[in-house]
Amino acid sequence: MIIIENTLISDDIYLEMFVCDVPVCKGGCCIEGEAGAPLEEKETIILQEIFPVVRPFMIDEGIETVDDVGFWTTDRQGEYVTPLVGGNQCAYVFYDGHGIAMCAIEKAHEQGLTDFQKPVSCHLYPVRITSYPSYDALNYHRWPICNCARKKGKQAGVSIYRFVKDALIRKYGQDWYSQLDEYVRYVGEGGS
């Protein structure tokens, strides 16, 4: 484990290799799982505010789900999450011409319609954060649907913390990331 400021970081974050291979997995992390994407409390408000610009990119079932249950819901632990269509895919999903699940929120961001890129938990994946009163624990979430990402990461020689660099900076800031990067360079990452 690495301790930086108020975070406890699993060694897997810099030892394991990972690069999403969306053409292979078809965006499986957006359509499989037991609950929607974890949301920070402030993101629940943002989703409500930006819904008018995200809605045109969503599929009908996603819009109906949001209309029925709201912009967000809670999981079994009472944590905020995105709603799911029929207990499966995220309500904010749409499919491109190749059948790949894509994020309607991110599409609206790419079109310049919102400054909000997507929930930070999605941006950070496969890193999952568990928040405690005095610190955050960052762990690697291993999921069989991401076997192709592990393979691609090994081929490219890209560790998880480098793959999610922008998301980690978004969440914790450049200084925090620089401290992590300095530590990893000092100890050596990924067996190199």
C-alpha atoms as a PDB file:
ATOM      1  CA  MET A   1       0.000   0.000   0.000  1.00  0.00           C
ATOM      2  CA  ILE A   2       1.031   3.559  -0.686  1.00  0.00           C
ATOM      3  CA  ILE A   3      -0.125   6.476   1.465  1.00  0.00           C
ATOM      4  CA  ILE A   4      -0.396   9.877  -0.206  1.00  0.00           C
ATOM      5  CA  GLU A   5      -2.156  12.642   1.676  1.00  0.00           C
ATOM      6  CA  ASN A   6      -5.549  11.187   2.708  1.00  0.00           C
ATOM      7  CA  THR A   7      -5.453   8.219   0.350  1.00  0.00           C
ATOM      8  CA  LEU A   8      -4.407   4.605   0.738  1.00  0.00           C
ATOM      9  CA  ILE A   9      -3.461   3.184  -2.657  1.00  0.00           C
ATOM     10  CA  SER A  10      -3.242  -0.525  -3.429  1.00  0.00           C
ATOM     11  CA  ASP A  11       0.032  -1.622  -5.009  1.00  0.00           C
ATOM     12  CA  ASP A  12      -2.013  -3.165  -7.838  1.00  0.00           C
ATOM     13  CA  ILE A  13      -2.727   0.359  -9.085  1.00  0.00           C
ATOM     14  CA  TYR A  14       0.844   0.642 -10.331  1.00  0.00           C
ATOM     15  CA  LEU A  15       1.821  -3.017 -10.681  1.00  0.00           C
ATOM     16  CA  GLU A  16      -1.038  -4.227 -12.882  1.00  0.00           C
ATOM     17  CA  MET A  17      -1.260  -3.367 -16.587  1.00  0.00           C
ATOM     18  CA  PHE A  18      -4.491  -2.137 -18.156  1.00  0.00           C
ATOM     19  CA  VAL A  19      -5.714  -0.347 -21.299  1.00  0.00           C
ATOM     20  CA  CYS A  20      -9.388  -0.534 -22.261  1.00  0.00           C
ATOM     21  CA  ASP A  21     -10.022  -2.454 -25.460  1.00  0.00           C
ATOM     22  CA  VAL A  22     -13.538  -1.216 -26.177  1.00  0.00           C
ATOM     23  CA  PRO A  23     -13.863  -2.797 -29.649  1.00  0.00           C
ATOM     24  CA  VAL A  24     -13.379  -6.179 -27.945  1.00  0.00           C
ATOM     25  CA  CYS A  25     -15.378  -5.716 -24.712  1.00  0.00           C
ATOM     26  CA  LYS A  26     -18.070  -3.584 -26.395  1.00  0.00           C
ATOM     27  CA  GLY A  27     -18.284  -1.290 -23.340  1.00  0.00           C
ATOM     28  CA  GLY A  28     -19.237  -4.165 -21.052  1.00  0.00           C
ATOM     29  CA  CYS A  29     -18.599  -2.176 -17.875  1.00  0.00           C
ATOM     30  CA  CYS A  30     -21.547   0.068 -18.827  1.00  0.00           C
ATOM     31  CA  ILE A  31     -23.960  -2.795 -19.420  1.00  0.00           C
ATOM     32  CA  GLU A  32     -23.066  -5.439 -16.828  1.00  0.00           C
ATOM     33  CA  GLY A  33     -22.936  -5.467 -13.053  1.00  0.00           C
ATOM     34  CA  GLU A  34     -25.159  -5.466 -10.025  1.00  0.00           C
ATOM     35  CA  ALA A  35     -25.626  -1.697  -9.716  1.00  0.00           C
ATOM     36  CA  GLY A  36     -25.112   1.492 -11.669  1.00  0.00           C
ATOM     37  CA  ALA A  37     -21.955   3.562 -11.659  1.00  0.00           C
ATOM     38  CA  PRO A  38     -21.065   4.970  -8.223  1.00  0.00           C
ATOM     39  CA  LEU A  39     -21.802   8.689  -7.906  1.00  0.00           C
ATOM     40  CA  GLU A  40     -20.516  11.381  -5.603  1.00  0.00           C
ATOM     41  CA  GLU A  41     -23.281  13.387  -3.948  1.00  0.00           C
ATOM     42  CA  LYS A  42     -22.451  16.494  -5.996  1.00  0.00           C
ATOM     43  CA  GLU A  43     -22.745  14.411  -9.179  1.00  0.00           C
ATOM     44  CA  THR A  44     -26.384  13.610  -8.411  1.00  0.00           C
ATOM     45  CA  ILE A  45     -27.127  17.332  -8.674  1.00  0.00           C
ATOM     46  CA  ILE A  46     -25.038  17.700 -11.825  1.00  0.00           C
ATOM     47  CA  LEU A  47     -26.894  14.841 -13.546  1.00  0.00           C
ATOM     48  CA  GLN A  48     -30.188  16.585 -12.926  1.00  0.00           C
ATOM     49  CA  GLU A  49     -28.848  19.913 -14.214  1.00  0.00           C
ATOM     50  CA  ILE A  50     -27.318  18.518 -17.414  1.00  0.00           C
ATOM     51  CA  PHE A  51     -30.062  16.033 -18.279  1.00  0.00           C
ATOM     52  CA  PRO A  52     -31.611  18.263 -20.980  1.00  0.00           C
ATOM     53  CA  VAL A  53     -28.354  18.196 -23.004  1.00  0.00           C
ATOM     54  CA  VAL A  54     -27.645  14.504 -22.320  1.00  0.00           C
ATOM     55  CA  ARG A  55     -31.161  13.242 -23.098  1.00  0.00           C
ATOM     56  CA  PRO A  56     -30.901  13.537 -26.913  1.00  0.00           C
ATOM     57  CA  PHE A  57     -28.016  11.042 -26.932  1.00  0.00           C
ATOM     58  CA  MET A  58     -29.774   8.446 -24.743  1.00  0.00           C
ATOM     59  CA  ILE A  59     -31.780   5.467 -25.957  1.00  0.00           C
ATOM     60  CA  ASP A  60     -35.518   5.430 -25.283  1.00  0.00           C
ATOM     61  CA  GLU A  61     -35.266   2.793 -22.529  1.00  0.00           C
ATOM     62  CA  GLY A  62     -32.720   4.930 -20.686  1.00  0.00           C
ATOM     63  CA  ILE A  63     -34.916   8.020 -20.874  1.00  0.00           C
ATOM     64  CA  GLU A  64     -37.901   5.994 -19.637  1.00  0.00           C
ATOM     65  CA  THR A  65     -35.819   4.657 -16.736  1.00  0.00           C
ATOM     66  CA  VAL A  66     -34.741   8.151 -15.692  1.00  0.00           C
ATOM     67  CA  ASP A  67     -38.351   9.333 -16.008  1.00  0.00           C
ATOM     68  CA  ASP A  68     -39.468   6.415 -13.789  1.00  0.00           C
ATOM     69  CA  VAL A  69     -36.758   6.292 -11.082  1.00  0.00           C
ATOM     70  CA  GLY A  70     -34.936   9.603 -11.357  1.00  0.00           C
ATOM     71  CA  PHE A  71     -31.513  10.841 -12.447  1.00  0.00           C
ATOM     72  CA  TRP A  72     -29.841   8.590  -9.870  1.00  0.00           C
ATOM     73  CA  THR A  73     -30.777   5.932  -7.360  1.00  0.00           C
ATOM     74  CA  THR A  74     -29.111   4.048  -4.486  1.00  0.00           C
ATOM     75  CA  ASP A  75     -27.572   0.598  -4.316  1.00  0.00           C
ATOM     76  CA  ARG A  76     -28.001  -2.016  -1.558  1.00  0.00           C
ATOM     77  CA  GLN A  77     -25.531  -0.156   0.656  1.00  0.00           C
ATOM     78  CA  GLY A  78     -27.413   3.116   0.219  1.00  0.00           C
ATOM     79  CA  GLU A  79     -24.707   4.642  -2.017  1.00  0.00           C
ATOM     80  CA  TYR A  80     -25.633   6.894  -4.941  1.00  0.00           C
ATOM     81  CA  VAL A  81     -25.483   5.181  -8.364  1.00  0.00           C
ATOM     82  CA  THR A  82     -26.732   5.739 -11.886  1.00  0.00           C
ATOM     83  CA  PRO A  83     -30.060   4.025 -12.607  1.00  0.00           C
ATOM     84  CA  LEU A  84     -30.117   0.785 -14.583  1.00  0.00           C
ATOM     85  CA  VAL A  85     -32.393  -0.203 -17.453  1.00  0.00           C
ATOM     86  CA  GLY A  86     -34.039  -3.469 -16.469  1.00  0.00           C
ATOM     87  CA  GLY A  87     -31.367  -4.168 -13.873  1.00  0.00           C
ATOM     88  CA  ASN A  88     -28.641  -4.320 -16.526  1.00  0.00           C
ATOM     89  CA  GLN A  89     -27.216  -1.402 -18.499  1.00  0.00           C
ATOM     90  CA  CYS A  90     -26.681   2.125 -17.238  1.00  0.00           C
ATOM     91  CA  ALA A  91     -29.563   4.412 -18.163  1.00  0.00           C
ATOM     92  CA  TYR A  92     -27.076   6.873 -19.691  1.00  0.00           C
ATOM     93  CA  VAL A  93     -25.841   4.375 -22.322  1.00  0.00           C
ATOM     94  CA  PHE A  94     -26.325   4.540 -26.061  1.00  0.00           C
ATOM     95  CA  TYR A  95     -24.910   2.266 -28.762  1.00  0.00           C
ATOM     96  CA  ASP A  96     -22.699   3.340 -31.624  1.00  0.00           C
ATOM     97  CA  GLY A  97     -22.935   1.883 -35.138  1.00  0.00           C
ATOM     98  CA  HIS A  98     -20.777  -1.087 -34.079  1.00  0.00           C
ATOM     99  CA  GLY A  99     -22.939  -2.109 -31.109  1.00  0.00           C
ATOM    100  CA  ILE A 100     -20.513  -0.643 -28.584  1.00  0.00           C
ATOM    101  CA  ALA A 101     -22.017   0.808 -25.411  1.00  0.00           C
ATOM    102  CA  MET A 102     -21.090   4.473 -25.127  1.00  0.00           C
ATOM    103  CA  CYS A 103     -21.823   7.148 -22.521  1.00  0.00           C
ATOM    104  CA  ALA A 104     -24.441   9.770 -23.420  1.00  0.00           C
ATOM    105  CA  ILE A 105     -23.009  12.078 -20.746  1.00  0.00           C
ATOM    106  CA  GLU A 106     -19.555  11.880 -22.310  1.00  0.00           C
ATOM    107  CA  LYS A 107     -21.050  12.387 -25.775  1.00  0.00           C
ATOM    108  CA  ALA A 108     -22.704  15.624 -24.600  1.00  0.00           C
ATOM    109  CA  HIS A 109     -19.336  16.674 -23.124  1.00  0.00           C
ATOM    110  CA  GLU A 110     -17.526  15.902 -26.395  1.00  0.00           C
ATOM    111  CA  GLN A 111     -20.112  18.030 -28.232  1.00  0.00           C
ATOM    112  CA  GLY A 112     -19.300  20.963 -25.908  1.00  0.00           C
ATOM    113  CA  LEU A 113     -22.756  20.918 -24.297  1.00  0.00           C
ATOM    114  CA  THR A 114     -21.525  20.379 -20.728  1.00  0.00           C
ATOM    115  CA  ASP A 115     -18.275  20.731 -18.773  1.00  0.00           C
ATOM    116  CA  PHE A 116     -19.078  17.505 -16.911  1.00  0.00           C
ATOM    117  CA  GLN A 117     -17.267  14.648 -18.659  1.00  0.00           C
ATOM    118  CA  LYS A 118     -18.924  11.695 -16.908  1.00  0.00           C
ATOM    119  CA  PRO A 119     -19.091  10.351 -13.342  1.00  0.00           C
ATOM    120  CA  VAL A 120     -15.597  10.235 -11.894  1.00  0.00           C
ATOM    121  CA  SER A 121     -16.071   6.550 -10.995  1.00  0.00           C
ATOM    122  CA  CYS A 122     -16.491   5.762 -14.709  1.00  0.00           C
ATOM    123  CA  HIS A 123     -13.493   7.899 -15.625  1.00  0.00           C
ATOM    124  CA  LEU A 124     -11.393   6.092 -12.991  1.00  0.00           C
ATOM    125  CA  TYR A 125     -12.379   2.552 -13.902  1.00  0.00           C
ATOM    126  CA  PRO A 126     -10.859  -0.020 -13.123  1.00  0.00           C
ATOM    127  CA  VAL A 127      -9.895   1.923  -9.982  1.00  0.00           C
ATOM    128  CA  ARG A 128     -12.607   1.862  -7.331  1.00  0.00           C
ATOM    129  CA  ILE A 129     -12.623   4.216  -4.366  1.00  0.00           C
ATOM    130  CA  THR A 130     -14.019   3.370  -0.959  1.00  0.00           C
ATOM    131  CA  SER A 131     -14.383   6.489   1.158  1.00  0.00           C
ATOM    132  CA  TYR A 132     -13.889   6.357   4.911  1.00  0.00           C
ATOM    133  CA  PRO A 133     -14.233   9.244   7.370  1.00  0.00           C
ATOM    134  CA  SER A 134     -10.535  10.180   7.248  1.00  0.00           C
ATOM    135  CA  TYR A 135      -9.240   8.653   4.002  1.00  0.00           C
ATOM    136  CA  ASP A 136     -10.046   7.131   0.610  1.00  0.00           C
ATOM    137  CA  ALA A 137      -8.926   3.601  -0.268  1.00  0.00           C
ATOM    138  CA  LEU A 138      -8.089   3.088  -3.948  1.00  0.00           C
ATOM    139  CA  ASN A 139      -8.243  -0.493  -5.194  1.00  0.00           C
ATOM    140  CA  TYR A 140      -8.125  -2.313  -8.491  1.00  0.00           C
ATOM    141  CA  HIS A 141     -11.459  -3.862  -9.452  1.00  0.00           C
ATOM    142  CA  ARG A 142     -10.763  -7.096 -11.349  1.00  0.00           C
ATOM    143  CA  TRP A 143     -13.565  -8.158 -13.656  1.00  0.00           C
ATOM    144  CA  PRO A 144     -13.481 -10.971 -16.256  1.00  0.00           C
ATOM    145  CA  ILE A 145     -14.966  -8.701 -18.934  1.00  0.00           C
ATOM    146  CA  CYS A 146     -11.733  -6.706 -18.727  1.00  0.00           C
ATOM    147  CA  ASN A 147      -9.411  -9.594 -19.627  1.00  0.00           C
ATOM    148  CA  CYS A 148      -8.851  -7.934 -23.005  1.00  0.00           C
ATOM    149  CA  ALA A 149      -7.827  -4.698 -21.234  1.00  0.00           C
ATOM    150  CA  ARG A 150      -5.258  -6.545 -19.144  1.00  0.00           C
ATOM    151  CA  LYS A 151      -3.873  -8.164 -22.284  1.00  0.00           C
ATOM    152  CA  LYS A 152      -3.743  -4.842 -24.155  1.00  0.00           C
ATOM    153  CA  GLY A 153      -2.170  -3.133 -21.132  1.00  0.00           C
ATOM    154  CA  LYS A 154       0.588  -5.763 -20.960  1.00  0.00           C
ATOM    155  CA  GLN A 155       1.248  -5.417 -24.680  1.00  0.00           C
ATOM    156  CA  ALA A 156       1.446  -1.629 -24.381  1.00  0.00           C
ATOM    157  CA  GLY A 157       3.306  -1.662 -21.053  1.00  0.00           C
ATOM    158  CA  VAL A 158       0.786   0.717 -19.448  1.00  0.00           C
ATOM    159  CA  SER A 159       0.005   0.387 -15.755  1.00  0.00           C
ATOM    160  CA  ILE A 160      -3.399   1.227 -14.316  1.00  0.00           C
ATOM    161  CA  TYR A 161      -2.317   4.477 -12.690  1.00  0.00           C
ATOM    162  CA  ARG A 162      -0.992   5.729 -16.022  1.00  0.00           C
ATOM    163  CA  PHE A 163      -4.113   4.595 -17.893  1.00  0.00           C
ATOM    164  CA  VAL A 164      -6.351   6.575 -15.511  1.00  0.00           C
ATOM    165  CA  LYS A 165      -3.936   9.512 -15.083  1.00  0.00           C
ATOM    166  CA  ASP A 166      -6.429  12.187 -16.181  1.00  0.00           C
ATOM    167  CA  ALA A 167      -9.118  10.778 -13.911  1.00  0.00           C
ATOM    168  CA  LEU A 168      -6.772  10.624 -10.897  1.00  0.00           C
ATOM    169  CA  ILE A 169      -5.734  14.238 -11.520  1.00  0.00           C
ATOM    170  CA  ARG A 170      -9.395  15.201 -11.864  1.00  0.00           C
ATOM    171  CA  LYS A 171     -10.167  13.551  -8.520  1.00  0.00           C
ATOM    172  CA  TYR A 172      -7.080  14.372  -6.431  1.00  0.00           C
ATOM    173  CA  GLY A 173      -5.103  17.044  -8.309  1.00  0.00           C
ATOM    174  CA  GLN A 174      -1.801  17.270 -10.159  1.00  0.00           C
ATOM    175  CA  ASP A 175       0.354  17.479  -7.015  1.00  0.00           C
ATOM    176  CA  TRP A 176      -1.155  14.260  -5.652  1.00  0.00           C
ATOM    177  CA  TYR A 177      -0.585  12.476  -8.971  1.00  0.00           C
ATOM    178  CA  SER A 178       2.999  13.757  -9.147  1.00  0.00           C
ATOM    179  CA  GLN A 179       3.656  12.291  -5.701  1.00  0.00           C
ATOM    180  CA  LEU A 180       2.269   8.929  -6.819  1.00  0.00           C
ATOM    181  CA  ASP A 181       4.267   9.024 -10.044  1.00  0.00           C
ATOM    182  CA  GLU A 182       7.472   9.897  -8.178  1.00  0.00           C
ATOM    183  CA  TYR A 183       6.954   7.015  -5.758  1.00  0.00           C
ATOM    184  CA  VAL A 184       6.254   4.550  -8.561  1.00  0.00           C
ATOM    185  CA  ARG A 185       9.306   5.667 -10.524  1.00  0.00           C
ATOM    186  CA  TYR A 186      11.379   5.238  -7.368  1.00  0.00           C
ATOM    187  CA  VAL A 187      10.205   1.663  -6.628  1.00  0.00           C
ATOM    188  CA  GLY A 188       9.743   0.591 -10.247  1.00  0.00           C
ATOM    189  CA  GLU A 189       6.390  -0.245 -11.750  1.00  0.00           C
ATOM    190  CA  GLY A 190       4.986  -3.330 -13.351  1.00  0.00           C
ATOM    191  CA  GLY A 191       8.064  -5.430 -12.856  1.00  0.00           C
ATOM    192  CA  SER A 192      10.152  -3.228 -15.144  1.00  0.00           C
END
